Protein backbone atom coordinates (compact mmCIF):
# COMPACT_ATOMS: atom_id res chain seq x y z
CA MET A 1 -9.22 -43.67 24.28
CA LYS A 2 -10.96 -42.09 21.31
CA ASN A 3 -11.49 -38.85 23.24
CA LYS A 4 -7.76 -38.49 23.85
CA LYS A 5 -7.05 -38.90 20.15
CA LYS A 6 -9.63 -36.26 19.27
CA LYS A 7 -8.35 -33.74 21.81
CA LYS A 8 -4.80 -33.85 20.58
CA PRO A 9 -5.56 -32.79 17.00
CA THR A 10 -7.84 -29.99 18.22
CA MET A 11 -5.06 -28.62 20.42
CA GLU A 12 -2.70 -28.82 17.47
CA ILE A 13 -5.25 -27.08 15.27
CA LEU A 14 -5.74 -24.34 17.85
CA TYR A 15 -1.99 -23.94 18.16
CA GLU A 16 -1.58 -23.70 14.39
CA LYS A 17 -4.37 -21.12 14.14
CA LYS A 18 -2.79 -19.07 16.88
CA ARG A 19 0.61 -19.25 15.18
CA GLU A 20 -0.92 -18.22 11.84
CA GLU A 21 -2.67 -15.23 13.44
CA GLU A 22 0.54 -14.16 15.16
CA GLU A 23 2.47 -14.53 11.92
CA LYS A 24 -0.16 -12.52 10.05
CA ALA A 25 -0.06 -9.78 12.69
CA ARG A 26 3.75 -9.71 12.54
CA ILE A 27 3.73 -9.40 8.75
CA GLU A 28 1.16 -6.58 8.88
CA GLY A 29 3.24 -4.78 11.51
CA GLU A 30 6.36 -5.10 9.39
CA ALA A 31 4.46 -3.77 6.37
CA MET A 32 3.29 -0.73 8.36
CA ILE A 33 6.80 -0.06 9.63
CA LYS A 34 8.18 -0.37 6.10
CA ALA A 35 5.54 2.03 4.72
CA LYS A 36 6.30 4.60 7.42
CA LYS A 37 10.02 4.29 6.79
CA GLU A 38 9.56 4.78 3.04
CA GLY A 39 7.36 7.82 3.69
CA ARG A 40 9.98 9.33 5.98
CA GLU A 41 12.74 8.71 3.45
CA LYS A 42 10.66 10.27 0.67
CA ALA A 43 9.87 13.35 2.77
CA GLU A 44 13.51 13.67 3.81
CA ALA A 45 14.67 13.48 0.18
CA GLN A 46 12.15 16.15 -0.80
CA ARG A 47 13.26 18.43 2.05
CA LYS A 48 16.89 17.94 1.07
CA SER A 49 16.12 18.76 -2.55
CA THR A 50 14.20 21.90 -1.57
CA ARG A 51 16.97 22.94 0.82
CA ASP A 52 19.64 22.48 -1.85
CA LYS A 53 17.63 24.56 -4.30
CA MET A 54 17.06 27.33 -1.74
CA PHE A 55 20.78 27.59 -0.95
CA LYS A 56 21.88 27.82 -4.59
CA SER A 57 23.46 31.10 -5.48
CA THR A 58 24.65 32.89 -8.58
CA ARG A 59 28.31 33.46 -9.29
CA TYR A 60 27.94 36.88 -7.65
CA GLY A 61 26.70 35.33 -4.41
CA GLN A 62 23.06 36.29 -4.83
CA PRO A 63 20.36 33.67 -4.23
CA VAL A 64 18.75 32.12 -7.32
CA MET A 65 15.25 33.57 -7.29
CA LYS A 66 13.77 30.94 -9.62
CA TYR A 67 13.59 28.29 -6.90
CA ARG A 68 12.40 30.70 -4.22
CA ILE A 69 9.58 31.98 -6.43
CA GLU A 70 8.59 28.39 -7.34
CA HIS A 71 8.45 27.54 -3.64
CA LEU A 72 6.29 30.59 -2.87
CA LEU A 73 3.98 29.75 -5.79
CA GLU A 74 3.56 26.15 -4.58
CA THR A 75 2.82 27.39 -1.06
CA ILE A 76 0.23 29.89 -2.29
CA GLN A 77 -1.43 27.35 -4.59
CA GLY A 78 -1.59 24.85 -1.74
CA SER A 79 -3.22 27.34 0.62
CA VAL A 80 -5.65 28.57 -2.06
CA GLY A 81 -6.53 24.99 -2.99
CA GLY A 82 -7.45 24.24 0.62
CA ILE A 83 -9.54 27.41 0.90
CA GLY A 84 -11.23 26.97 -2.47
CA SER A 85 -12.65 23.57 -1.60
CA SER A 86 -14.23 24.84 1.62
CA CYS A 87 -15.64 27.99 -0.02
CA SER A 88 -17.26 26.26 -2.99
CA SER A 89 -20.71 27.15 -1.66
CA LEU A 90 -20.03 30.90 -1.79
CA PRO A 91 -21.70 32.83 -4.61
CA THR A 92 -19.42 34.00 -7.40
CA ALA A 93 -19.72 37.08 -9.59
CA ALA A 94 -21.06 36.05 -12.99
């Protein structure tokens, strides 16, 4: 009779642990999905902003060069930054 009483709480404990683990996994999954969604929204907003700037034109119909030059500068700095870190061991002229 005592054994039956002991088994029941252990099954309940195991069930509760399993439920807690499943709940924790579900919450972590939701957090990952939310983070990905926020990242996508941020990237989309940035692309939209860049696109709007690139399509701006002057009153004469010419493209506004300020935004295009800024974009080129950012692109060049990004590519140089990536190269500079890998070439840090190269000798420089002093």
